[in-house]
Structures are given as structure tokens and as C-alpha cells.
C-alpha atoms as a PDB file:
ATOM      1  CA  MET A   1     -75.623 235.105  51.435  1.00  0.00           C
ATOM      2  CA  ARG A   2     -75.848 235.402  55.215  1.00  0.00           C
ATOM      3  CA  SER A   3     -72.790 234.997  57.417  1.00  0.00           C
ATOM      4  CA  PRO A   4     -72.907 231.949  59.718  1.00  0.00           C
ATOM      5  CA  LEU A   5     -71.614 234.238  62.490  1.00  0.00           C
ATOM      6  CA  LEU A   6     -74.876 236.198  62.542  1.00  0.00           C
ATOM      7  CA  THR A   7     -77.884 234.977  64.508  1.00  0.00           C
ATOM      8  CA  ARG A   8     -81.497 236.081  64.686  1.00  0.00           C
ATOM      9  CA  THR A   9     -83.138 236.784  67.992  1.00  0.00           C
ATOM     10  CA  LYS A  10     -86.798 236.711  68.806  1.00  0.00           C
ATOM     11  CA  MET A  11     -88.365 239.645  70.566  1.00  0.00           C
ATOM     12  CA  SER A  12     -89.075 237.329  73.524  1.00  0.00           C
ATOM     13  CA  ASP A  13     -85.339 236.602  73.823  1.00  0.00           C
ATOM     14  CA  ALA A  14     -84.171 239.576  75.871  1.00  0.00           C
ATOM     15  CA  GLY A  15     -80.429 239.912  75.894  1.00  0.00           C
ATOM     16  CA  VAL A  16     -78.936 239.724  79.370  1.00  0.00           C
ATOM     17  CA  LEU A  17     -75.714 241.502  80.135  1.00  0.00           C
ATOM     18  CA  PRO A  18     -73.017 239.248  81.562  1.00  0.00           C
ATOM     19  CA  ARG A  19     -72.039 239.692  85.173  1.00  0.00           C
ATOM     20  CA  ARG A  20     -69.093 242.017  85.167  1.00  0.00           C
ATOM     21  CA  SER A  21     -66.126 240.046  86.338  1.00  0.00           C
ATOM     22  CA  SER A  22     -63.914 241.965  88.611  1.00  0.00           C
ATOM     23  CA  SER A  23     -60.613 241.156  90.172  1.00  0.00           C
ATOM     24  CA  SER A  24     -62.285 241.911  93.507  1.00  0.00           C
ATOM     25  CA  ASP A  25     -64.269 238.677  93.002  1.00  0.00           C
ATOM     26  CA  GLN A  26     -61.062 236.634  93.020  1.00  0.00           C
ATOM     27  CA  ARG A  27     -59.947 235.146  96.307  1.00  0.00           C
ATOM     28  CA  VAL A  28     -56.367 235.682  97.366  1.00  0.00           C
ATOM     29  CA  LYS A  29     -54.151 234.277 100.088  1.00  0.00           C
ATOM     30  CA  LEU A  30     -51.922 236.213 102.467  1.00  0.00           C
ATOM     31  CA  THR A  31     -48.899 234.883 100.571  1.00  0.00           C
ATOM     32  CA  ASP A  32     -50.088 236.083  97.131  1.00  0.00           C
ATOM     33  CA  PRO A  33     -48.288 239.070  95.590  1.00  0.00           C
ATOM     34  CA  ALA A  34     -49.682 242.426  96.743  1.00  0.00           C
ATOM     35  CA  ALA A  35     -49.584 243.648  93.141  1.00  0.00           C
ATOM     36  CA  ASN A  36     -52.373 241.155  92.353  1.00  0.00           C
ATOM     37  CA  VAL A  37     -54.845 243.181  94.432  1.00  0.00           C
ATOM     38  CA  MET A  38     -53.781 246.618  93.224  1.00  0.00           C
ATOM     39  CA  ASN A  39     -55.753 248.768  90.817  1.00  0.00           C
ATOM     40  CA  ASP A  40     -52.854 249.097  88.398  1.00  0.00           C
ATOM     41  CA  PHE A  41     -53.029 252.358  86.473  1.00  0.00           C
ATOM     42  CA  ALA A  42     -50.588 250.955  83.916  1.00  0.00           C
ATOM     43  CA  ARG A  43     -53.482 248.669  82.844  1.00  0.00           C
ATOM     44  CA  GLU A  44     -56.614 250.615  83.739  1.00  0.00           C
ATOM     45  CA  TYR A  45     -57.183 254.326  83.657  1.00  0.00           C
ATOM     46  CA  PRO A  46     -57.699 255.879  87.101  1.00  0.00           C
ATOM     47  CA  VAL A  47     -60.950 257.624  87.962  1.00  0.00           C
ATOM     48  CA  THR A  48     -60.235 261.306  88.511  1.00  0.00           C
ATOM     49  CA  VAL A  49     -62.005 264.523  89.427  1.00  0.00           C
ATOM     50  CA  ASP A  50     -61.039 268.169  89.015  1.00  0.00           C
ATOM     51  CA  GLU A  51     -60.366 270.013  92.251  1.00  0.00           C
ATOM     52  CA  ASP A  52     -62.942 272.673  91.400  1.00  0.00           C
ATOM     53  CA  ARG A  53     -65.846 270.209  91.031  1.00  0.00           C
ATOM     54  CA  GLN A  54     -68.670 270.594  93.561  1.00  0.00           C
ATOM     55  CA  ILE A  55     -68.485 267.832  96.209  1.00  0.00           C
ATOM     56  CA  ASP A  56     -72.006 266.477  95.728  1.00  0.00           C
ATOM     57  CA  SER A  57     -71.373 266.175  91.990  1.00  0.00           C
ATOM     58  CA  ALA A  58     -68.153 264.279  92.749  1.00  0.00           C
ATOM     59  CA  LEU A  59     -70.072 261.978  95.100  1.00  0.00           C
ATOM     60  CA  ALA A  60     -72.679 261.367  92.384  1.00  0.00           C
ATOM     61  CA  ASP A  61     -69.818 260.437  90.022  1.00  0.00           C
ATOM     62  CA  MET A  62     -68.476 257.963  92.590  1.00  0.00           C
ATOM     63  CA  ILE A  63     -71.885 256.339  92.959  1.00  0.00           C
ATOM     64  CA  ARG A  64     -72.404 256.158  89.188  1.00  0.00           C
ATOM     65  CA  LEU A  65     -68.951 254.636  88.643  1.00  0.00           C
ATOM     66  CA  GLY A  66     -69.100 252.286  91.639  1.00  0.00           C
ATOM     67  CA  VAL A  67     -66.010 253.685  93.371  1.00  0.00           C
ATOM     68  CA  ARG A  68     -65.451 255.215  96.785  1.00  0.00           C
ATOM     69  CA  ALA A  69     -62.442 257.363  96.001  1.00  0.00           C
ATOM     70  CA  LEU A  70     -61.118 259.632  93.279  1.00  0.00           C
ATOM     71  CA  LEU A  71     -57.725 261.043  92.398  1.00  0.00           C
ATOM     72  CA  VAL A  72     -57.950 264.825  92.379  1.00  0.00           C
ATOM     73  CA  VAL A  73     -56.205 266.397  89.408  1.00  0.00           C
ATOM     74  CA  ARG A  74     -55.167 269.805  88.150  1.00  0.00           C
ATOM     75  CA  GLU A  75     -53.808 269.936  84.610  1.00  0.00           C
ATOM     76  CA  ARG A  76     -53.048 266.180  84.502  1.00  0.00           C
ATOM     77  CA  LYS A  77     -51.178 266.260  87.815  1.00  0.00           C
ATOM     78  CA  VAL A  78     -52.489 264.528  90.902  1.00  0.00           C
ATOM     79  CA  VAL A  79     -52.899 267.148  93.623  1.00  0.00           C
ATOM     80  CA  GLY A  80     -54.901 265.129  96.137  1.00  0.00           C
ATOM     81  CA  PHE A  81     -57.262 262.319  96.962  1.00  0.00           C
ATOM     82  CA  ILE A  82     -60.921 262.369  98.006  1.00  0.00           C
ATOM     83  CA  THR A  83     -63.173 259.625  99.317  1.00  0.00           C
ATOM     84  CA  SER A  84     -66.906 259.318  99.791  1.00  0.00           C
ATOM     85  CA  TYR A  85     -66.188 259.474 103.538  1.00  0.00           C
ATOM     86  CA  ASP A  86     -64.578 262.901 103.079  1.00  0.00           C
ATOM     87  CA  ILE A  87     -67.726 264.175 101.371  1.00  0.00           C
ATOM     88  CA  GLU A  88     -70.291 262.494 103.617  1.00  0.00           C
ATOM     89  CA  GLY A  89     -68.432 263.008 106.893  1.00  0.00           C
ATOM     90  CA  GLU A  90     -67.447 266.036 108.950  1.00  0.00           C
ATOM     91  CA  ARG A  91     -65.137 267.707 106.450  1.00  0.00           C
ATOM     92  CA  PRO A  92     -67.845 269.691 104.608  1.00  0.00           C
ATOM     93  CA  LEU A  93     -69.122 271.168 107.882  1.00  0.00           C
ATOM     94  CA  GLN A  94     -65.589 271.997 108.975  1.00  0.00           C
ATOM     95  CA  CYS A  95     -65.006 273.599 105.589  1.00  0.00           C
ATOM     96  CA  ILE A  96     -68.156 275.746 105.870  1.00  0.00           C
ATOM     97  CA  GLN A  97     -66.960 276.991 109.253  1.00  0.00           C
ATOM     98  CA  ARG A  98     -63.322 277.474 108.203  1.00  0.00           C
ATOM     99  CA  LEU A  99     -64.027 279.236 104.904  1.00  0.00           C
ATOM    100  CA  ASN A 100     -67.210 281.021 105.977  1.00  0.00           C
ATOM    101  CA  TYR A 101     -69.262 279.449 103.203  1.00  0.00           C
ATOM    102  CA  SER A 102     -73.003 279.887 103.403  1.00  0.00           C
ATOM    103  CA  TYR A 103     -74.054 276.746 101.544  1.00  0.00           C
ATOM    104  CA  ARG A 104     -72.846 273.200 101.039  1.00  0.00           C
ATOM    105  CA  GLN A 105     -73.148 273.789  97.272  1.00  0.00           C
ATOM    106  CA  ASP A 106     -70.213 276.213  97.570  1.00  0.00           C
ATOM    107  CA  ILE A 107     -67.819 273.468  98.675  1.00  0.00           C
ATOM    108  CA  GLN A 108     -65.457 272.124  96.031  1.00  0.00           C
ATOM    109  CA  VAL A 109     -63.429 268.923  96.011  1.00  0.00           C
ATOM    110  CA  GLY A 110     -60.239 270.911  96.619  1.00  0.00           C
ATOM    111  CA  ASP A 111     -61.706 272.232  99.867  1.00  0.00           C
ATOM    112  CA  VAL A 112     -62.130 268.811 101.505  1.00  0.00           C
ATOM    113  CA  MET A 113     -59.634 266.531  99.717  1.00  0.00           C
ATOM    114  CA  THR A 114     -56.470 265.216 101.307  1.00  0.00           C
ATOM    115  CA  PRO A 115     -53.683 267.200  99.615  1.00  0.00           C
ATOM    116  CA  TRP A 116     -50.894 265.295  97.855  1.00  0.00           C
ATOM    117  CA  ALA A 117     -48.317 266.362 100.466  1.00  0.00           C
ATOM    118  CA  ASP A 118     -50.402 264.757 103.241  1.00  0.00           C
ATOM    119  CA  LEU A 119     -50.913 261.389 101.539  1.00  0.00           C
ATOM    120  CA  GLN A 120     -49.088 258.285 102.670  1.00  0.00           C
ATOM    121  CA  THR A 121     -47.932 256.273  99.674  1.00  0.00           C
ATOM    122  CA  LEU A 122     -46.162 253.014  98.916  1.00  0.00           C
ATOM    123  CA  ASN A 123     -43.251 252.709  96.516  1.00  0.00           C
ATOM    124  CA  TRP A 124     -43.881 250.464  93.503  1.00  0.00           C
ATOM    125  CA  ARG A 125     -40.488 248.745  93.916  1.00  0.00           C
ATOM    126  CA  ALA A 126     -41.457 247.663  97.442  1.00  0.00           C
ATOM    127  CA  VAL A 127     -44.960 246.637  96.353  1.00  0.00           C
ATOM    128  CA  LYS A 128     -43.540 244.295  93.678  1.00  0.00           C
ATOM    129  CA  ASP A 129     -41.831 242.293  96.449  1.00  0.00           C
ATOM    130  CA  ALA A 130     -44.647 242.501  99.025  1.00  0.00           C
ATOM    131  CA  SER A 131     -47.392 239.986  99.774  1.00  0.00           C
ATOM    132  CA  ALA A 132     -51.087 240.566 100.369  1.00  0.00           C
ATOM    133  CA  GLY A 133     -50.344 239.832 104.035  1.00  0.00           C
ATOM    134  CA  ASN A 134     -47.713 242.588 104.126  1.00  0.00           C
ATOM    135  CA  LEU A 135     -50.263 244.966 102.632  1.00  0.00           C
ATOM    136  CA  LEU A 136     -52.883 243.984 105.202  1.00  0.00           C
ATOM    137  CA  GLU A 137     -50.360 244.804 107.958  1.00  0.00           C
ATOM    138  CA  VAL A 138     -49.786 248.249 106.438  1.00  0.00           C
ATOM    139  CA  PHE A 139     -53.525 248.933 106.378  1.00  0.00           C
ATOM    140  CA  ARG A 140     -53.883 247.833 109.994  1.00  0.00           C
ATOM    141  CA  GLU A 141     -50.886 249.914 111.137  1.00  0.00           C
ATOM    142  CA  THR A 142     -52.013 253.069 109.365  1.00  0.00           C
ATOM    143  CA  ASP A 143     -55.787 252.657 109.745  1.00  0.00           C
ATOM    144  CA  LEU A 144     -56.115 253.949 106.158  1.00  0.00           C
ATOM    145  CA  MET A 145     -58.812 252.761 103.771  1.00  0.00           C
ATOM    146  CA  HIS A 146     -56.860 253.541 100.549  1.00  0.00           C
ATOM    147  CA  ILE A 147     -53.167 253.753  99.757  1.00  0.00           C
ATOM    148  CA  LEU A 148     -51.675 255.112  96.555  1.00  0.00           C
ATOM    149  CA  VAL A 149     -48.658 253.483  94.934  1.00  0.00           C
ATOM    150  CA  VAL A 150     -46.045 255.732  93.346  1.00  0.00           C
ATOM    151  CA  GLU A 151     -43.303 254.912  90.894  1.00  0.00           C
ATOM    152  CA  THR A 152     -40.278 256.962  89.960  1.00  0.00           C
ATOM    153  CA  ALA A 153     -40.159 257.303  86.186  1.00  0.00           C
ATOM    154  CA  THR A 154     -36.936 257.316  84.175  1.00  0.00           C
ATOM    155  CA  ASP A 155     -37.021 261.132  84.113  1.00  0.00           C
ATOM    156  CA  ALA A 156     -37.194 261.116  87.957  1.00  0.00           C
ATOM    157  CA  ALA A 157     -40.840 262.247  87.953  1.00  0.00           C
ATOM    158  CA  THR A 158     -43.142 260.637  90.493  1.00  0.00           C
ATOM    159  CA  CYS A 159     -45.986 258.791  88.775  1.00  0.00           C
ATOM    160  CA  VAL A 160     -49.084 257.451  90.493  1.00  0.00           C
ATOM    161  CA  ARG A 161     -48.877 253.778  89.552  1.00  0.00           C
ATOM    162  CA  GLY A 162     -51.849 252.324  91.409  1.00  0.00           C
ATOM    163  CA  LEU A 163     -54.227 252.214  94.309  1.00  0.00           C
ATOM    164  CA  PHE A 164     -54.969 249.719  97.052  1.00  0.00           C
ATOM    165  CA  SER A 165     -58.341 249.525  98.776  1.00  0.00           C
ATOM    166  CA  ARG A 166     -58.495 248.022 102.242  1.00  0.00           C
ATOM    167  CA  THR A 167     -62.107 246.906 101.769  1.00  0.00           C
ATOM    168  CA  ARG A 168     -61.296 245.185  98.484  1.00  0.00           C
ATOM    169  CA  LEU A 169     -58.260 243.442  99.993  1.00  0.00           C
ATOM    170  CA  GLU A 170     -60.189 242.236 103.028  1.00  0.00           C
ATOM    171  CA  ARG A 171     -63.018 240.997 100.789  1.00  0.00           C
ATOM    172  CA  GLN A 172     -60.582 239.094  98.563  1.00  0.00           C
ATOM    173  CA  LEU A 173     -58.925 237.557 101.623  1.00  0.00           C
ATOM    174  CA  GLY A 174     -62.333 236.391 102.837  1.00  0.00           C
ATOM    175  CA  LEU A 175     -62.274 238.673 105.875  1.00  0.00           C
ATOM    176  CA  LEU A 176     -65.421 240.508 104.684  1.00  0.00           C
ATOM    177  CA  PRO A 177     -68.514 239.096 102.963  1.00  0.00           C
ATOM    178  CA  ALA A 178     -68.399 239.095  99.169  1.00  0.00           C
ATOM    179  CA  MET A 179     -70.393 241.759  97.373  1.00  0.00           C
ATOM    180  CA  THR A 180     -73.492 240.670  95.515  1.00  0.00           C
ATOM    181  CA  ALA A 181     -74.870 242.417  92.468  1.00  0.00           C
END
């Protein structure tokens, strides 16, 4: 007996993958909660890279995963942040000069990342009460492209709760053209 849930397909019926829905496809208003446009690491696992990974390999990972930034980790602790701009911009050349490297292949993520101590972050408690418009103001004031959100855990440890992307926010607000796949 065959289950009614099963179907037969013909070879001519190629299965098509559904368009991946993403929260970046959803339009938001300036008055919507900022948390609605955050990559919330309580719901989705963050994309990370080890600090000793070669920068071009990290960039290849970003391209493969469709992201422009990675949290840099050492033994499950966030030690920095790196973007595709860091890898493709002037930082590798500056690193070669500063560290007397001979080849680009010698440069690791830890050499060009923004260290944790230099990152500007938002507090989760403030984000919960903020609007998308408030967040847009922060991006415009700081000229940053990404902002991490931190939360103080019950044991007083600082946890990385989420990430905001300026490009994603502006796209959702209709300030940039929507991405097409």
C-alpha cells in the first residue's frame, strides 16, 4: 500500500528550489522596532571565522555564504570583526608594510580585523526600545556599515546578541533598491 503523501515525478519535471525568503525582503517603516531588522543570534547562529584563517579564504567564505562580515573568534570568544571591505581595501597592504610580510597569502584575519576593544556596539536593552529610524540615525552619525549588539548575561558576561547591517536596513526602508536573485 502506497502512502497518499508520496507523489511520483516525471524526469521532465525538474524540481525547482523555492526562493529563499529573507527578512531583508520585508519592508519596514522608520517607526518599526529596530529589533525587527537585527540578525538575532538568539534565533540564528552567527557566521564566524578563526583569527588565524587566511584573509582570501575568509573572503571566499563570505562570498559562499552571502555575507559581507564575520565575527572573529578565538576559543568561542569574539575577539574582533572583519568585513569584505577590510579584506579588499587598504588594510592588507598596510599589514604587509607594517608586519614586513612578503606575500598577501601570509595575511591572516587577525592581522586586518577590527579588534573587539575598538568596536562600537549597541546595548540590547536600548535596542529593544529603539525604532528603525533611531537605528538609521546611529548609522548616519557613526558612518559604520555594521553594528554589533551586546547583552549582559545573568553572570555579568557580555554576550554578542546580534548584528545590524546598514545596507540591509536601508534596503528594507526602501532607501536602496531591493536585491534580486
